[in-house]
Amino acid sequence: MVNGFDIIGQNRTLQVHWGKRIVAFAIDCVVVLSPVWMFLFLLGERRVSAYGITSGLAFFAALFLFLTFHPPDKSAPAAQAKAA
């Protein structure tokens, strides 16, 4: 029976896709999670729920700020598909 490891072992496109996802997760952890966790730890907050909620809000704020200062490109494939 074929499993996911067999498929990813033979499909170069899928390997590149998952490689990019892993790198993006690492960048997210460095940019958002680490500073939030250090800040809450220094404040003396030890509840796990506080870390989760604050990290989620920080991800939302980071995405909002990114899209505010870097709007999506109008020549992106999704924009071309809507125009057609």
Protein backbone atom coordinates (compact mmCIF):
# COMPACT_ATOMS: atom_id res chain seq x y z
CA MET A 1 0.00 0.00 0.00
CA VAL A 2 1.33 3.45 -0.92
CA ASN A 3 1.72 5.95 1.89
CA GLY A 4 2.64 9.63 2.07
CA PHE A 5 6.35 8.94 2.53
CA ASP A 6 6.42 6.95 -0.73
CA ILE A 7 4.75 9.80 -2.59
CA ILE A 8 6.96 12.54 -1.17
CA GLY A 9 10.05 10.40 -1.81
CA GLN A 10 9.32 10.30 -5.54
CA ASN A 11 7.69 13.68 -6.19
CA ARG A 12 10.20 16.56 -6.40
CA THR A 13 7.48 19.23 -6.54
CA LEU A 14 5.96 17.95 -3.32
CA GLN A 15 9.39 17.88 -1.66
CA VAL A 16 9.98 21.53 -2.58
CA HIS A 17 6.50 22.47 -1.36
CA TRP A 18 7.01 20.85 2.04
CA GLY A 19 10.49 22.28 2.30
CA LYS A 20 9.07 25.78 1.85
CA ARG A 21 6.37 25.09 4.45
CA ILE A 22 8.94 23.97 7.01
CA VAL A 23 11.09 27.06 6.38
CA ALA A 24 8.02 29.31 6.66
CA PHE A 25 7.10 27.71 9.99
CA ALA A 26 10.62 28.27 11.30
CA ILE A 27 10.51 31.94 10.24
CA ASP A 28 7.10 32.37 11.90
CA CYS A 29 8.47 30.90 15.12
CA VAL A 30 11.44 33.25 15.12
CA VAL A 31 9.51 36.38 14.10
CA VAL A 32 6.35 35.97 16.19
CA LEU A 33 6.39 33.14 18.70
CA SER A 34 9.79 33.68 20.27
CA PRO A 35 9.32 37.39 21.06
CA VAL A 36 5.78 36.82 22.36
CA TRP A 37 6.84 33.94 24.58
CA MET A 38 9.84 35.87 25.94
CA PHE A 39 7.65 38.89 26.66
CA LEU A 40 5.03 36.84 28.51
CA PHE A 41 7.69 34.91 30.40
CA LEU A 42 9.31 38.15 31.58
CA LEU A 43 5.88 39.39 32.71
CA GLY A 44 5.55 36.25 34.81
CA GLU A 45 2.71 34.73 32.79
CA ARG A 46 2.78 30.94 32.99
CA ARG A 47 -0.69 29.92 31.72
CA VAL A 48 -0.53 27.97 28.48
CA SER A 49 -3.78 29.53 27.26
CA ALA A 50 -2.27 33.02 27.53
CA TYR A 51 0.61 31.96 25.29
CA GLY A 52 -1.72 30.51 22.68
CA ILE A 53 -4.11 33.45 22.60
CA THR A 54 -1.36 36.07 22.56
CA SER A 55 0.58 34.23 19.85
CA GLY A 56 -2.56 34.02 17.71
CA LEU A 57 -3.18 37.73 18.11
CA ALA A 58 0.46 38.45 17.28
CA PHE A 59 0.24 36.34 14.09
CA PHE A 60 -2.92 38.23 13.09
CA ALA A 61 -1.25 41.59 13.78
CA ALA A 62 1.88 40.60 11.84
CA LEU A 63 -0.21 39.52 8.85
CA PHE A 64 -2.27 42.73 9.02
CA LEU A 65 0.87 44.89 9.10
CA PHE A 66 2.50 42.93 6.29
CA LEU A 67 -0.54 43.26 4.03
CA THR A 68 -0.93 46.94 4.93
CA PHE A 69 2.58 47.83 3.80
CA HIS A 70 2.95 45.16 1.07
CA PRO A 71 -0.37 44.84 -0.77
CA PRO A 72 -0.78 41.82 -3.07
CA ASP A 73 0.59 42.22 -6.58
CA LYS A 74 -2.10 42.99 -9.15
CA SER A 75 -0.34 40.78 -11.71
CA ALA A 76 -0.68 37.68 -9.50
CA PRO A 77 -2.32 34.65 -11.12
CA ALA A 78 -5.42 34.93 -8.91
CA ALA A 79 -5.97 38.53 -10.01
CA GLN A 80 -5.57 37.53 -13.67
CA ALA A 81 -8.10 34.72 -13.28
CA LYS A 82 -10.70 37.14 -11.84
CA ALA A 83 -10.12 39.62 -14.65
CA ALA A 84 -10.73 37.01 -17.36
